[in-house]
Every structure is written in structure tokens, then in C-alpha cells.
């Protein structure tokens, strides 16, 4: 079975569903019609532009262009993490913690995949590296942003109890350990749900796409299993690094809670 090439007329037919959704929300006075339509237009423009850019990058296979694409992806992901925080760190720390931990986790897991399991030739083959980097980055971004937001919100809420523990001589990491654990659980739940539901409740996106493209279902399943394991490792590593750096920043060397380092959005 050969893959069916989707034409612009096919996309136009599918867009009817988005318009229908917008009409229904307008009829129910939900105030989301404009948002839905704008989101749909943005998706079309952004994805088509990305497709054109990646077509050029794939054709040239230049390490410099690949690095430039990766840098743009990291920059946008870091901005998204910062913007999703109800309370974020003041100054460059508000951007730096999410950016640094996300980049670290994404690069480590991507390198592990490219050099240890996929073994593409060359290792920087853009058809492998860029899609893999993108999907890992997206999951790490979610894990980091959810964990950071859960931690900062909990610290503000539990301030009296935390300061009481610190006043009694408890180490800052021990005093904040319950909140760290809760934040990490929040950050890991999405990928745990993905792994638990895969194959039983839903067919994951990568596996579905490969089957639609004509790949043997068993081979597609193997790729999806590999990808889920990579996403799990990336999300866990990113969330763990972000939470520990955040705890270090929200306290000082004298084991004092420094909420003045947070700012309300």
C-alpha cells in the first residue's frame, strides 16, 4: 500500500471541522470562536513554513543549518516554559532555569538515541535528528514547565510550614522535599499516561503516521516503543534538573526561603 499524498483540497475539506467547531462555540456563546479560527490559521501558516524550511535543510544537510534550526526550537521552547509560569523567577533566572534544564535533558537524550540506538549515518542526518529533537524537546518542555509551575505555586502556598521547618534547623532540601516530589509527579504524569494508554486506548501519533505511510505495523510499534522510552527519559531528566535548580534558587546558603526571587505574572 502506497501512502496517499494529501492535497490542499483535502486540507480544505478537513478545515470544515475547525469552522464547524468555531460555529458551535459561537452558538453556545463560549467566546472561543475567534480563538479557534486564529489557532487554525496559525497552524496552517506555521506548519507549511516549517515544511518549506525543513525541505531546504534536508536537501542541504548542512550541520550549520541544522544547528540553527535546533537553536530556534530551543529558544521558542524556553520562552513557552517561562510564559506558562504563574510565578516565575525574577530576572534572567525566570528564563534561564527552564532553558538550561530543557536544553540539557533534550541534548542528552537525543544524543543517546542518535548514537546508541538509531545509529543514523551520518549521525547528524537532518531527516532523523530534527524530528527526533523536536518531539523530545516538546515532551521535556511540558515536563519542565508543569514541574516548575507546581513547585513555585506550592512553595508560596506552603510558606508558613516551610519557614517553620527551616527555623527548626531543617536543611533546605529536606524542608522542600515533599514539594519537590509532588512537583516531579505532576511533571511525569503526562508521559506516564502516554505509555499506559499506548496501544490499548490509542495508537500514538508516530506509529499511526508510519502505518499510514505503509510501514509494517510491527516495525512501527518498535519505533513507537523506542520513542516513548526516550520521551520518558527526557521528561524525567528535565523535570528533575529543573526542580532541584529551582529549590537551590528559591533558598540561600543560610537555608532561608527567598520568595523575593519570585515575581507574580
C-alpha atoms as a PDB file:
ATOM      1  CA  UNK A   1       0.000   0.000   0.000  1.00  0.00           C
ATOM      2  CA  UNK A   2       1.472   3.335  -1.032  1.00  0.00           C
ATOM      3  CA  UNK A   3       0.969   6.488   1.002  1.00  0.00           C
ATOM      4  CA  UNK A   4      -1.745   8.864  -0.209  1.00  0.00           C
ATOM      5  CA  UNK A   5      -0.368  12.322  -0.862  1.00  0.00           C
ATOM      6  CA  UNK A   6      -2.577  14.943   0.749  1.00  0.00           C
ATOM      7  CA  UNK A   7      -3.515  17.872  -1.465  1.00  0.00           C
ATOM      8  CA  UNK A   8      -4.567  21.364  -0.482  1.00  0.00           C
ATOM      9  CA  UNK A   9      -8.162  20.478  -1.350  1.00  0.00           C
ATOM     10  CA  UNK A  10      -8.001  17.670   1.222  1.00  0.00           C
ATOM     11  CA  UNK A  11      -6.831  20.166   3.831  1.00  0.00           C
ATOM     12  CA  UNK A  12      -9.674  22.488   2.901  1.00  0.00           C
ATOM     13  CA  UNK A  13     -12.197  19.699   3.447  1.00  0.00           C
ATOM     14  CA  UNK A  14     -10.664  18.879   6.858  1.00  0.00           C
ATOM     15  CA  UNK A  15     -10.793  22.587   7.770  1.00  0.00           C
ATOM     16  CA  UNK A  16     -14.594  22.346   7.689  1.00  0.00           C
ATOM     17  CA  UNK A  17     -14.365  20.604  11.076  1.00  0.00           C
ATOM     18  CA  UNK A  18     -12.495  23.563  12.586  1.00  0.00           C
ATOM     19  CA  UNK A  19     -15.038  26.020  11.169  1.00  0.00           C
ATOM     20  CA  UNK A  20     -17.872  23.841  12.495  1.00  0.00           C
ATOM     21  CA  UNK A  21     -16.246  23.848  15.915  1.00  0.00           C
ATOM     22  CA  UNK A  22     -15.989  27.641  15.831  1.00  0.00           C
ATOM     23  CA  UNK A  23     -19.654  27.960  14.800  1.00  0.00           C
ATOM     24  CA  UNK A  24     -20.785  25.679  17.617  1.00  0.00           C
ATOM     25  CA  UNK A  25     -18.815  27.635  20.231  1.00  0.00           C
ATOM     26  CA  UNK A  26     -20.324  30.854  18.829  1.00  0.00           C
ATOM     27  CA  UNK A  27     -23.843  29.450  19.106  1.00  0.00           C
ATOM     28  CA  UNK A  28     -23.152  28.383  22.691  1.00  0.00           C
ATOM     29  CA  UNK A  29     -21.649  31.821  23.473  1.00  0.00           C
ATOM     30  CA  UNK A  30     -18.387  30.337  24.777  1.00  0.00           C
ATOM     31  CA  UNK A  31     -16.275  33.201  23.476  1.00  0.00           C
ATOM     32  CA  UNK A  32     -13.828  30.858  21.735  1.00  0.00           C
ATOM     33  CA  UNK A  33     -14.830  31.158  18.073  1.00  0.00           C
ATOM     34  CA  UNK A  34     -12.241  33.777  17.172  1.00  0.00           C
ATOM     35  CA  UNK A  35      -9.538  31.945  19.136  1.00  0.00           C
ATOM     36  CA  UNK A  36     -10.279  28.657  17.370  1.00  0.00           C
ATOM     37  CA  UNK A  37     -10.187  30.223  13.906  1.00  0.00           C
ATOM     38  CA  UNK A  38      -6.963  32.127  14.625  1.00  0.00           C
ATOM     39  CA  UNK A  39      -5.368  28.971  16.023  1.00  0.00           C
ATOM     40  CA  UNK A  40      -6.355  27.063  12.902  1.00  0.00           C
ATOM     41  CA  UNK A  41      -4.896  29.714  10.590  1.00  0.00           C
ATOM     42  CA  UNK A  42      -1.711  29.864  12.672  1.00  0.00           C
ATOM     43  CA  UNK A  43      -1.338  26.091  12.496  1.00  0.00           C
ATOM     44  CA  UNK A  44      -1.626  26.132   8.696  1.00  0.00           C
ATOM     45  CA  UNK A  45       0.826  29.000   8.209  1.00  0.00           C
ATOM     46  CA  UNK A  46       3.352  27.776  10.773  1.00  0.00           C
ATOM     47  CA  UNK A  47       3.390  24.158   9.642  1.00  0.00           C
ATOM     48  CA  UNK A  48       3.622  24.992   5.939  1.00  0.00           C
ATOM     49  CA  UNK A  49       6.501  27.401   6.608  1.00  0.00           C
ATOM     50  CA  UNK A  50       8.239  24.781   8.732  1.00  0.00           C
ATOM     51  CA  UNK A  51       7.719  22.256   5.949  1.00  0.00           C
ATOM     52  CA  UNK A  52       9.376  24.565   3.423  1.00  0.00           C
ATOM     53  CA  UNK A  53      12.289  25.306   5.764  1.00  0.00           C
ATOM     54  CA  UNK A  54      12.856  21.643   6.589  1.00  0.00           C
ATOM     55  CA  UNK A  55      12.681  20.707   2.910  1.00  0.00           C
ATOM     56  CA  UNK A  56      15.604  23.066   2.291  1.00  0.00           C
ATOM     57  CA  UNK A  57      17.514  21.883   5.379  1.00  0.00           C
ATOM     58  CA  UNK A  58      17.049  18.229   4.425  1.00  0.00           C
ATOM     59  CA  UNK A  59      18.268  18.903   0.896  1.00  0.00           C
ATOM     60  CA  UNK A  60      21.418  20.750   2.026  1.00  0.00           C
ATOM     61  CA  UNK A  61      22.152  18.520   5.061  1.00  0.00           C
ATOM     62  CA  UNK A  62      24.334  21.292   6.486  1.00  0.00           C
ATOM     63  CA  UNK A  63      25.349  20.915  10.164  1.00  0.00           C
ATOM     64  CA  UNK A  64      25.276  24.715  10.488  1.00  0.00           C
ATOM     65  CA  UNK A  65      21.672  24.941   9.283  1.00  0.00           C
ATOM     66  CA  UNK A  66      20.672  22.015  11.495  1.00  0.00           C
ATOM     67  CA  UNK A  67      22.220  23.781  14.486  1.00  0.00           C
ATOM     68  CA  UNK A  68      20.379  26.987  13.567  1.00  0.00           C
ATOM     69  CA  UNK A  69      17.041  25.155  13.424  1.00  0.00           C
ATOM     70  CA  UNK A  70      17.769  23.498  16.786  1.00  0.00           C
ATOM     71  CA  UNK A  71      18.655  26.864  18.331  1.00  0.00           C
ATOM     72  CA  UNK A  72      15.345  28.372  17.190  1.00  0.00           C
ATOM     73  CA  UNK A  73      13.482  25.384  18.621  1.00  0.00           C
ATOM     74  CA  UNK A  74      15.258  25.694  21.978  1.00  0.00           C
ATOM     75  CA  UNK A  75      14.619  29.436  22.113  1.00  0.00           C
ATOM     76  CA  UNK A  76      10.893  29.061  21.473  1.00  0.00           C
ATOM     77  CA  UNK A  77      10.557  26.189  23.945  1.00  0.00           C
ATOM     78  CA  UNK A  78      12.352  28.185  26.643  1.00  0.00           C
ATOM     79  CA  UNK A  79      10.041  31.137  26.055  1.00  0.00           C
ATOM     80  CA  UNK A  80       6.994  28.878  26.339  1.00  0.00           C
ATOM     81  CA  UNK A  81       8.222  27.441  29.646  1.00  0.00           C
ATOM     82  CA  UNK A  82       8.766  30.927  31.053  1.00  0.00           C
ATOM     83  CA  UNK A  83       5.386  32.194  29.866  1.00  0.00           C
ATOM     84  CA  UNK A  84       3.497  29.275  31.413  1.00  0.00           C
ATOM     85  CA  UNK A  85       4.661  30.030  34.959  1.00  0.00           C
ATOM     86  CA  UNK A  86       2.129  31.639  37.272  1.00  0.00           C
ATOM     87  CA  UNK A  87       5.053  32.681  39.459  1.00  0.00           C
ATOM     88  CA  UNK A  88       8.459  32.706  37.846  1.00  0.00           C
ATOM     89  CA  UNK A  89      11.907  33.685  38.997  1.00  0.00           C
ATOM     90  CA  UNK A  90      12.839  37.316  38.586  1.00  0.00           C
ATOM     91  CA  UNK A  91      15.417  38.456  36.054  1.00  0.00           C
ATOM     92  CA  UNK A  92      17.279  36.101  33.765  1.00  0.00           C
ATOM     93  CA  UNK A  93      16.615  33.199  36.123  1.00  0.00           C
ATOM     94  CA  UNK A  94      12.980  33.180  35.017  1.00  0.00           C
ATOM     95  CA  UNK A  95      14.136  32.219  31.537  1.00  0.00           C
ATOM     96  CA  UNK A  96      17.438  30.538  32.345  1.00  0.00           C
ATOM     97  CA  UNK A  97      16.270  27.704  34.590  1.00  0.00           C
ATOM     98  CA  UNK A  98      13.777  26.394  32.061  1.00  0.00           C
ATOM     99  CA  UNK A  99      16.113  26.989  29.120  1.00  0.00           C
ATOM    100  CA  UNK A 100      19.153  25.367  30.691  1.00  0.00           C
ATOM    101  CA  UNK A 101      17.486  22.247  32.058  1.00  0.00           C
ATOM    102  CA  UNK A 102      15.409  21.729  28.923  1.00  0.00           C
ATOM    103  CA  UNK A 103      18.417  22.006  26.641  1.00  0.00           C
ATOM    104  CA  UNK A 104      20.498  19.696  28.827  1.00  0.00           C
ATOM    105  CA  UNK A 105      17.896  16.950  29.017  1.00  0.00           C
ATOM    106  CA  UNK A 106      16.945  17.188  25.339  1.00  0.00           C
ATOM    107  CA  UNK A 107      20.518  17.069  24.059  1.00  0.00           C
ATOM    108  CA  UNK A 108      21.491  14.162  26.316  1.00  0.00           C
ATOM    109  CA  UNK A 109      18.508  12.017  25.348  1.00  0.00           C
ATOM    110  CA  UNK A 110      18.770  12.912  21.650  1.00  0.00           C
ATOM    111  CA  UNK A 111      22.483  12.062  21.613  1.00  0.00           C
ATOM    112  CA  UNK A 112      21.727   8.757  23.348  1.00  0.00           C
ATOM    113  CA  UNK A 113      19.137   7.931  20.681  1.00  0.00           C
ATOM    114  CA  UNK A 114      21.163   9.012  17.645  1.00  0.00           C
ATOM    115  CA  UNK A 115      24.437   7.418  18.728  1.00  0.00           C
ATOM    116  CA  UNK A 116      23.193   4.482  20.765  1.00  0.00           C
ATOM    117  CA  UNK A 117      20.032   3.117  19.173  1.00  0.00           C
ATOM    118  CA  UNK A 118      19.174   4.667  15.802  1.00  0.00           C
ATOM    119  CA  UNK A 119      22.809   4.990  14.672  1.00  0.00           C
ATOM    120  CA  UNK A 120      21.982   7.107  11.631  1.00  0.00           C
ATOM    121  CA  UNK A 121      24.692   7.716   9.014  1.00  0.00           C
ATOM    122  CA  UNK A 122      25.811  10.426   9.273  1.00  0.00           C
ATOM    123  CA  UNK A 123      24.823  10.964  12.895  1.00  0.00           C
ATOM    124  CA  UNK A 124      23.544  14.464  12.090  1.00  0.00           C
ATOM    125  CA  UNK A 125      21.250  13.294   9.262  1.00  0.00           C
ATOM    126  CA  UNK A 126      18.551  16.005   9.387  1.00  0.00           C
ATOM    127  CA  UNK A 127      15.705  13.637   8.455  1.00  0.00           C
ATOM    128  CA  UNK A 128      16.392  11.795  11.733  1.00  0.00           C
ATOM    129  CA  UNK A 129      17.903  14.406  14.021  1.00  0.00           C
ATOM    130  CA  UNK A 130      15.452  17.306  13.631  1.00  0.00           C
ATOM    131  CA  UNK A 131      12.160  15.379  14.036  1.00  0.00           C
ATOM    132  CA  UNK A 132      13.628  13.408  16.940  1.00  0.00           C
ATOM    133  CA  UNK A 133      14.939  16.552  18.601  1.00  0.00           C
ATOM    134  CA  UNK A 134      11.583  18.258  18.147  1.00  0.00           C
ATOM    135  CA  UNK A 135       9.422  15.569  19.698  1.00  0.00           C
ATOM    136  CA  UNK A 136      11.804  15.030  22.631  1.00  0.00           C
ATOM    137  CA  UNK A 137      12.049  18.779  23.173  1.00  0.00           C
ATOM    138  CA  UNK A 138       8.260  19.108  23.254  1.00  0.00           C
ATOM    139  CA  UNK A 139       7.894  16.491  25.984  1.00  0.00           C
ATOM    140  CA  UNK A 140      10.802  17.849  28.020  1.00  0.00           C
ATOM    141  CA  UNK A 141       9.267  21.315  27.748  1.00  0.00           C
ATOM    142  CA  UNK A 142       5.972  20.032  29.129  1.00  0.00           C
ATOM    143  CA  UNK A 143       7.640  18.172  31.993  1.00  0.00           C
ATOM    144  CA  UNK A 144       9.794  21.134  32.977  1.00  0.00           C
ATOM    145  CA  UNK A 145       7.035  23.744  32.730  1.00  0.00           C
ATOM    146  CA  UNK A 146       4.497  21.701  34.706  1.00  0.00           C
ATOM    147  CA  UNK A 147       7.038  20.797  37.404  1.00  0.00           C
ATOM    148  CA  UNK A 148       8.310  24.364  37.825  1.00  0.00           C
ATOM    149  CA  UNK A 149       4.818  25.803  37.993  1.00  0.00           C
ATOM    150  CA  UNK A 150       3.672  23.184  40.505  1.00  0.00           C
ATOM    151  CA  UNK A 151       6.740  23.762  42.678  1.00  0.00           C
ATOM    152  CA  UNK A 152       6.593  27.565  42.776  1.00  0.00           C
ATOM    153  CA  UNK A 153       2.837  27.571  43.430  1.00  0.00           C
ATOM    154  CA  UNK A 154       3.199  25.038  46.247  1.00  0.00           C
ATOM    155  CA  UNK A 155       6.087  26.936  47.852  1.00  0.00           C
ATOM    156  CA  UNK A 156       4.060  30.153  48.000  1.00  0.00           C
ATOM    157  CA  UNK A 157       1.048  28.265  49.362  1.00  0.00           C
ATOM    158  CA  UNK A 158       3.074  26.351  51.979  1.00  0.00           C
ATOM    159  CA  UNK A 159       5.324  29.236  53.002  1.00  0.00           C
ATOM    160  CA  UNK A 160       4.485  29.185  56.751  1.00  0.00           C
ATOM    161  CA  UNK A 161       5.130  25.449  57.065  1.00  0.00           C
ATOM    162  CA  UNK A 162       8.377  25.643  55.097  1.00  0.00           C
ATOM    163  CA  UNK A 163       9.717  28.545  57.130  1.00  0.00           C
ATOM    164  CA  UNK A 164       8.786  26.729  60.343  1.00  0.00           C
ATOM    165  CA  UNK A 165      10.848  23.708  59.293  1.00  0.00           C
ATOM    166  CA  UNK A 166      13.775  25.918  58.313  1.00  0.00           C
ATOM    167  CA  UNK A 167      13.565  27.814  61.632  1.00  0.00           C
ATOM    168  CA  UNK A 168      13.878  24.497  63.456  1.00  0.00           C
ATOM    169  CA  UNK A 169      17.172  23.843  61.677  1.00  0.00           C
ATOM    170  CA  UNK A 170      15.979  21.617  58.835  1.00  0.00           C
ATOM    171  CA  UNK A 171      18.146  21.624  55.712  1.00  0.00           C
ATOM    172  CA  UNK A 172      16.531  23.477  52.795  1.00  0.00           C
ATOM    173  CA  UNK A 173      16.452  20.414  50.563  1.00  0.00           C
ATOM    174  CA  UNK A 174      14.840  18.295  53.277  1.00  0.00           C
ATOM    175  CA  UNK A 175      12.344  21.034  54.123  1.00  0.00           C
ATOM    176  CA  UNK A 176      11.247  21.276  50.496  1.00  0.00           C
ATOM    177  CA  UNK A 177      11.485  17.573  49.650  1.00  0.00           C
ATOM    178  CA  UNK A 178       7.705  16.865  49.861  1.00  0.00           C
ATOM    179  CA  UNK A 179       7.031  19.729  47.460  1.00  0.00           C
ATOM    180  CA  UNK A 180       9.795  18.538  45.133  1.00  0.00           C
ATOM    181  CA  UNK A 181       8.280  15.075  44.998  1.00  0.00           C
ATOM    182  CA  UNK A 182       4.807  16.445  44.329  1.00  0.00           C
ATOM    183  CA  UNK A 183       6.104  18.712  41.550  1.00  0.00           C
ATOM    184  CA  UNK A 184       8.004  15.856  39.921  1.00  0.00           C
ATOM    185  CA  UNK A 185       4.915  13.657  39.996  1.00  0.00           C
ATOM    186  CA  UNK A 186       2.964  16.406  38.256  1.00  0.00           C
ATOM    187  CA  UNK A 187       5.638  16.702  35.569  1.00  0.00           C
ATOM    188  CA  UNK A 188       5.807  12.955  34.947  1.00  0.00           C
ATOM    189  CA  UNK A 189       2.066  12.209  34.806  1.00  0.00           C
ATOM    190  CA  UNK A 190       1.604  13.162  31.097  1.00  0.00           C
ATOM    191  CA  UNK A 191       4.284  10.785  29.796  1.00  0.00           C
ATOM    192  CA  UNK A 192       3.149   8.030  32.184  1.00  0.00           C
ATOM    193  CA  UNK A 193      -0.354   8.395  30.764  1.00  0.00           C
ATOM    194  CA  UNK A 194       1.050   8.190  27.227  1.00  0.00           C
ATOM    195  CA  UNK A 195       2.886   4.944  27.958  1.00  0.00           C
ATOM    196  CA  UNK A 196      -0.046   3.427  29.844  1.00  0.00           C
ATOM    197  CA  UNK A 197      -2.557   4.219  27.096  1.00  0.00           C
ATOM    198  CA  UNK A 198      -0.341   3.347  24.108  1.00  0.00           C
ATOM    199  CA  UNK A 199      -1.789   0.518  22.025  1.00  0.00           C
ATOM    200  CA  UNK A 200      -4.816  -0.048  24.277  1.00  0.00           C
ATOM    201  CA  UNK A 201      -6.665   3.254  24.373  1.00  0.00           C
ATOM    202  CA  UNK A 202      -4.949   4.995  21.482  1.00  0.00           C
ATOM    203  CA  UNK A 203      -2.411   4.472  18.725  1.00  0.00           C
ATOM    204  CA  UNK A 204       0.344   7.082  19.276  1.00  0.00           C
ATOM    205  CA  UNK A 205       0.976   9.676  16.597  1.00  0.00           C
ATOM    206  CA  UNK A 206       4.300   8.362  15.330  1.00  0.00           C
ATOM    207  CA  UNK A 207       3.012   4.798  14.966  1.00  0.00           C
ATOM    208  CA  UNK A 208      -0.156   5.972  13.244  1.00  0.00           C
ATOM    209  CA  UNK A 209       1.821   8.115  10.803  1.00  0.00           C
ATOM    210  CA  UNK A 210       4.180   5.279   9.900  1.00  0.00           C
ATOM    211  CA  UNK A 211       1.311   2.838   9.359  1.00  0.00           C
ATOM    212  CA  UNK A 212      -0.465   5.368   7.146  1.00  0.00           C
ATOM    213  CA  UNK A 213       2.799   5.742   5.218  1.00  0.00           C
ATOM    214  CA  UNK A 214       2.856   1.990   4.541  1.00  0.00           C
ATOM    215  CA  UNK A 215       5.266   0.666   7.198  1.00  0.00           C
ATOM    216  CA  UNK A 216       4.722  -2.781   8.671  1.00  0.00           C
ATOM    217  CA  UNK A 217       2.658  -2.348  11.903  1.00  0.00           C
ATOM    218  CA  UNK A 218       5.103  -4.397  13.983  1.00  0.00           C
ATOM    219  CA  UNK A 219       8.068  -2.273  12.866  1.00  0.00           C
ATOM    220  CA  UNK A 220       6.044   0.876  13.512  1.00  0.00           C
ATOM    221  CA  UNK A 221       5.297  -0.415  17.017  1.00  0.00           C
ATOM    222  CA  UNK A 222       9.025  -0.913  17.688  1.00  0.00           C
ATOM    223  CA  UNK A 223       9.784   2.666  16.701  1.00  0.00           C
ATOM    224  CA  UNK A 224       6.948   3.924  18.900  1.00  0.00           C
ATOM    225  CA  UNK A 225       8.196   1.932  21.900  1.00  0.00           C
ATOM    226  CA  UNK A 226      11.676   3.366  21.426  1.00  0.00           C
ATOM    227  CA  UNK A 227      10.257   6.860  21.163  1.00  0.00           C
ATOM    228  CA  UNK A 228       8.124   6.506  24.309  1.00  0.00           C
ATOM    229  CA  UNK A 229      11.155   5.357  26.289  1.00  0.00           C
ATOM    230  CA  UNK A 230      13.154   8.327  25.017  1.00  0.00           C
ATOM    231  CA  UNK A 231      10.344  10.740  25.872  1.00  0.00           C
ATOM    232  CA  UNK A 232      10.046   9.271  29.340  1.00  0.00           C
ATOM    233  CA  UNK A 233      13.757   9.660  29.978  1.00  0.00           C
ATOM    234  CA  UNK A 234      13.818  13.213  28.650  1.00  0.00           C
ATOM    235  CA  UNK A 235      10.775  14.390  30.611  1.00  0.00           C
ATOM    236  CA  UNK A 236      12.035  12.823  33.827  1.00  0.00           C
ATOM    237  CA  UNK A 237      15.557  14.172  33.494  1.00  0.00           C
ATOM    238  CA  UNK A 238      14.376  17.667  32.584  1.00  0.00           C
ATOM    239  CA  UNK A 239      11.822  17.863  35.399  1.00  0.00           C
ATOM    240  CA  UNK A 240      14.318  16.564  37.956  1.00  0.00           C
ATOM    241  CA  UNK A 241      17.004  19.056  36.953  1.00  0.00           C
ATOM    242  CA  UNK A 242      14.552  21.968  36.849  1.00  0.00           C
ATOM    243  CA  UNK A 243      13.074  21.224  40.279  1.00  0.00           C
ATOM    244  CA  UNK A 244      16.446  20.900  42.001  1.00  0.00           C
ATOM    245  CA  UNK A 245      17.819  24.061  40.427  1.00  0.00           C
ATOM    246  CA  UNK A 246      14.614  25.889  41.389  1.00  0.00           C
ATOM    247  CA  UNK A 247      14.911  24.744  45.015  1.00  0.00           C
ATOM    248  CA  UNK A 248      18.523  25.890  45.082  1.00  0.00           C
ATOM    249  CA  UNK A 249      17.499  29.288  43.728  1.00  0.00           C
ATOM    250  CA  UNK A 250      14.444  29.825  45.945  1.00  0.00           C
ATOM    251  CA  UNK A 251      16.614  29.361  49.048  1.00  0.00           C
ATOM    252  CA  UNK A 252      20.058  30.639  50.015  1.00  0.00           C
ATOM    253  CA  UNK A 253      23.200  29.269  51.641  1.00  0.00           C
ATOM    254  CA  UNK A 254      21.800  30.154  55.077  1.00  0.00           C
ATOM    255  CA  UNK A 255      18.763  27.942  54.481  1.00  0.00           C
ATOM    256  CA  UNK A 256      16.337  30.841  54.194  1.00  0.00           C
ATOM    257  CA  UNK A 257      13.312  30.898  51.908  1.00  0.00           C
ATOM    258  CA  UNK A 258      13.732  33.681  49.322  1.00  0.00           C
ATOM    259  CA  UNK A 259      10.312  34.374  47.870  1.00  0.00           C
ATOM    260  CA  UNK A 260      11.588  37.782  46.855  1.00  0.00           C
ATOM    261  CA  UNK A 261      13.247  35.955  43.959  1.00  0.00           C
ATOM    262  CA  UNK A 262       9.825  35.107  42.548  1.00  0.00           C
ATOM    263  CA  UNK A 263       7.587  37.506  40.683  1.00  0.00           C
ATOM    264  CA  UNK A 264       3.834  37.326  40.124  1.00  0.00           C
ATOM    265  CA  UNK A 265       2.805  37.332  36.487  1.00  0.00           C
END
